[in-house]
C-alpha atoms as a PDB file:
ATOM      1  CA  GLN A   1     327.647 224.513 144.725  1.00  0.00           C
ATOM      2  CA  VAL A   2     328.269 221.443 142.609  1.00  0.00           C
ATOM      3  CA  GLN A   3     328.272 221.867 138.858  1.00  0.00           C
ATOM      4  CA  LEU A   4     327.656 219.246 136.207  1.00  0.00           C
ATOM      5  CA  VAL A   5     328.721 220.205 132.708  1.00  0.00           C
ATOM      6  CA  GLU A   6     327.520 218.100 129.794  1.00  0.00           C
ATOM      7  CA  SER A   7     329.058 218.028 126.349  1.00  0.00           C
ATOM      8  CA  GLY A   8     329.059 215.927 123.212  1.00  0.00           C
ATOM      9  CA  GLY A   9     325.569 216.472 121.870  1.00  0.00           C
ATOM     10  CA  GLY A  10     324.834 217.363 118.292  1.00  0.00           C
ATOM     11  CA  LEU A  11     323.222 216.329 115.038  1.00  0.00           C
ATOM     12  CA  VAL A  12     323.813 212.793 113.786  1.00  0.00           C
ATOM     13  CA  GLN A  13     322.289 210.614 111.113  1.00  0.00           C
ATOM     14  CA  PRO A  14     320.277 207.515 112.004  1.00  0.00           C
ATOM     15  CA  GLY A  15     322.627 204.649 112.746  1.00  0.00           C
ATOM     16  CA  GLY A  16     325.362 206.989 113.878  1.00  0.00           C
ATOM     17  CA  SER A  17     327.084 207.382 117.235  1.00  0.00           C
ATOM     18  CA  LEU A  18     327.709 210.069 119.805  1.00  0.00           C
ATOM     19  CA  ARG A  19     329.452 210.131 123.157  1.00  0.00           C
ATOM     20  CA  LEU A  20     328.136 212.408 125.853  1.00  0.00           C
ATOM     21  CA  SER A  21     330.293 213.536 128.750  1.00  0.00           C
ATOM     22  CA  CYS A  22     329.308 214.926 132.127  1.00  0.00           C
ATOM     23  CA  ALA A  23     332.073 216.518 134.161  1.00  0.00           C
ATOM     24  CA  ALA A  24     331.438 217.126 137.855  1.00  0.00           C
ATOM     25  CA  SER A  25     333.051 219.878 139.895  1.00  0.00           C
ATOM     26  CA  ARG A  26     333.287 217.499 142.855  1.00  0.00           C
ATOM     27  CA  SER A  27     334.873 214.082 143.257  1.00  0.00           C
ATOM     28  CA  ILE A  28     332.651 211.229 142.106  1.00  0.00           C
ATOM     29  CA  PHE A  29     334.782 208.541 143.750  1.00  0.00           C
ATOM     30  CA  SER A  30     332.204 207.775 146.436  1.00  0.00           C
ATOM     31  CA  ILE A  31     329.138 209.065 144.670  1.00  0.00           C
ATOM     32  CA  ASN A  32     325.946 207.089 145.204  1.00  0.00           C
ATOM     33  CA  ALA A  33     324.822 207.221 141.590  1.00  0.00           C
ATOM     34  CA  MET A  34     325.094 209.160 138.358  1.00  0.00           C
ATOM     35  CA  GLY A  35     322.744 208.937 135.478  1.00  0.00           C
ATOM     36  CA  TRP A  36     321.594 210.252 132.163  1.00  0.00           C
ATOM     37  CA  TYR A  37     318.021 211.322 131.561  1.00  0.00           C
ATOM     38  CA  ARG A  38     316.388 212.681 128.445  1.00  0.00           C
ATOM     39  CA  GLN A  39     313.387 214.764 127.610  1.00  0.00           C
ATOM     40  CA  ALA A  40     311.834 214.974 124.177  1.00  0.00           C
ATOM     41  CA  PRO A  41     309.398 217.763 123.239  1.00  0.00           C
ATOM     42  CA  GLY A  42     306.002 217.186 124.807  1.00  0.00           C
ATOM     43  CA  LYS A  43     307.208 214.219 126.839  1.00  0.00           C
ATOM     44  CA  GLN A  44     308.250 213.640 130.414  1.00  0.00           C
ATOM     45  CA  ARG A  45     311.872 213.347 131.395  1.00  0.00           C
ATOM     46  CA  GLU A  46     312.913 209.703 131.488  1.00  0.00           C
ATOM     47  CA  LEU A  47     315.847 207.720 132.802  1.00  0.00           C
ATOM     48  CA  VAL A  48     318.185 206.523 130.069  1.00  0.00           C
ATOM     49  CA  ALA A  49     321.036 204.943 132.023  1.00  0.00           C
ATOM     50  CA  ARG A  50     322.419 204.927 135.531  1.00  0.00           C
ATOM     51  CA  ILE A  51     325.620 203.786 137.222  1.00  0.00           C
ATOM     52  CA  THR A  52     326.088 203.306 140.954  1.00  0.00           C
ATOM     53  CA  THR A  53     329.033 203.382 143.327  1.00  0.00           C
ATOM     54  CA  GLY A  54     329.682 199.701 142.859  1.00  0.00           C
ATOM     55  CA  GLY A  55     329.621 200.036 139.102  1.00  0.00           C
ATOM     56  CA  ARG A  56     326.203 198.508 138.645  1.00  0.00           C
ATOM     57  CA  THR A  57     324.359 199.823 135.629  1.00  0.00           C
ATOM     58  CA  ASN A  58     320.788 199.871 134.485  1.00  0.00           C
ATOM     59  CA  TYR A  59     319.258 201.030 131.235  1.00  0.00           C
ATOM     60  CA  ALA A  60     315.924 201.934 129.779  1.00  0.00           C
ATOM     61  CA  ASP A  61     314.612 199.073 127.664  1.00  0.00           C
ATOM     62  CA  SER A  62     314.607 201.327 124.617  1.00  0.00           C
ATOM     63  CA  VAL A  63     318.398 201.795 124.723  1.00  0.00           C
ATOM     64  CA  LYS A  64     319.635 198.408 125.961  1.00  0.00           C
ATOM     65  CA  GLY A  65     322.308 197.017 123.697  1.00  0.00           C
ATOM     66  CA  ARG A  66     322.887 200.401 122.040  1.00  0.00           C
ATOM     67  CA  PHE A  67     323.944 202.737 124.869  1.00  0.00           C
ATOM     68  CA  THR A  68     326.691 202.255 127.435  1.00  0.00           C
ATOM     69  CA  ILE A  69     327.244 204.309 130.568  1.00  0.00           C
ATOM     70  CA  SER A  70     330.683 204.467 132.164  1.00  0.00           C
ATOM     71  CA  ARG A  71     332.639 206.570 134.604  1.00  0.00           C
ATOM     72  CA  ASP A  72     336.182 207.829 135.052  1.00  0.00           C
ATOM     73  CA  ASN A  73     336.738 208.662 138.709  1.00  0.00           C
ATOM     74  CA  ALA A  74     340.082 210.297 138.013  1.00  0.00           C
ATOM     75  CA  LYS A  75     338.380 212.797 135.715  1.00  0.00           C
ATOM     76  CA  ASN A  76     335.171 213.089 137.759  1.00  0.00           C
ATOM     77  CA  THR A  77     333.338 212.331 134.544  1.00  0.00           C
ATOM     78  CA  VAL A  78     330.569 210.012 133.455  1.00  0.00           C
ATOM     79  CA  TYR A  79     330.043 209.104 129.819  1.00  0.00           C
ATOM     80  CA  LEU A  80     327.183 207.872 127.698  1.00  0.00           C
ATOM     81  CA  GLN A  81     328.243 206.098 124.522  1.00  0.00           C
ATOM     82  CA  MET A  82     325.309 206.036 122.141  1.00  0.00           C
ATOM     83  CA  ASN A  83     325.435 203.754 119.110  1.00  0.00           C
ATOM     84  CA  SER A  84     322.893 202.848 116.449  1.00  0.00           C
ATOM     85  CA  LEU A  85     321.041 206.049 117.111  1.00  0.00           C
ATOM     86  CA  LYS A  86     317.424 206.347 116.047  1.00  0.00           C
ATOM     87  CA  PRO A  87     315.244 209.402 115.395  1.00  0.00           C
ATOM     88  CA  GLU A  88     313.315 208.572 118.559  1.00  0.00           C
ATOM     89  CA  ASP A  89     316.498 209.153 120.560  1.00  0.00           C
ATOM     90  CA  THR A  90     316.186 212.849 119.747  1.00  0.00           C
ATOM     91  CA  ALA A  91     315.929 214.760 123.015  1.00  0.00           C
ATOM     92  CA  VAL A  92     317.730 216.994 125.450  1.00  0.00           C
ATOM     93  CA  TYR A  93     319.983 214.771 127.545  1.00  0.00           C
ATOM     94  CA  TYR A  94     320.610 215.676 131.173  1.00  0.00           C
ATOM     95  CA  CYS A  95     323.214 214.445 133.604  1.00  0.00           C
ATOM     96  CA  ASN A  96     322.134 213.735 137.172  1.00  0.00           C
ATOM     97  CA  ALA A  97     324.230 213.053 140.257  1.00  0.00           C
ATOM     98  CA  LEU A  98     323.392 211.950 143.778  1.00  0.00           C
ATOM     99  CA  TRP A  99     326.243 211.856 146.239  1.00  0.00           C
ATOM    100  CA  LEU A 100     324.359 210.725 149.307  1.00  0.00           C
ATOM    101  CA  VAL A 101     320.911 209.198 149.669  1.00  0.00           C
ATOM    102  CA  GLY A 102     318.589 211.618 151.426  1.00  0.00           C
ATOM    103  CA  THR A 103     320.355 214.700 150.141  1.00  0.00           C
ATOM    104  CA  SER A 104     319.681 216.832 147.102  1.00  0.00           C
ATOM    105  CA  ASP A 105     320.670 215.598 143.710  1.00  0.00           C
ATOM    106  CA  TYR A 106     322.167 217.763 140.997  1.00  0.00           C
ATOM    107  CA  TRP A 107     321.367 218.320 137.346  1.00  0.00           C
ATOM    108  CA  GLY A 108     323.382 219.549 134.412  1.00  0.00           C
ATOM    109  CA  GLN A 109     322.126 222.135 131.952  1.00  0.00           C
ATOM    110  CA  GLY A 110     321.363 219.580 129.244  1.00  0.00           C
ATOM    111  CA  THR A 111     322.761 218.875 125.808  1.00  0.00           C
ATOM    112  CA  GLN A 112     320.702 218.499 122.647  1.00  0.00           C
ATOM    113  CA  VAL A 113     320.902 215.279 120.658  1.00  0.00           C
ATOM    114  CA  THR A 114     319.183 215.282 117.284  1.00  0.00           C
ATOM    115  CA  VAL A 115     319.025 212.166 115.129  1.00  0.00           C
ATOM    116  CA  SER A 116     317.900 213.004 111.635  1.00  0.00           C
ATOM    117  CA  SER A 117     318.806 212.416 108.018  1.00  0.00           C
END
């Protein structure tokens, strides 16, 4: 069973930064895609950022220019650098991984990000 372990969440003031990490228990060298999703209270889970095998990235419009997704294959880890954080970024952030199209994807347990003064 593959495990995804997120870390790096916490409380930060508006305008601050956080870096989330998602460590996989399986090699991500040939993974199809990994991504970060978030879910705020009372809202649906939404895609924040995604990175594919070829290194292509895509972002939600609300985070473009502020968030950056990256991966370290040697560490089987994907990161989400979050800058210029806003209160509306407050949510539980989840890591998602899909190794092969047509198979099951995997989710981490989530990490809370709270942006508040």
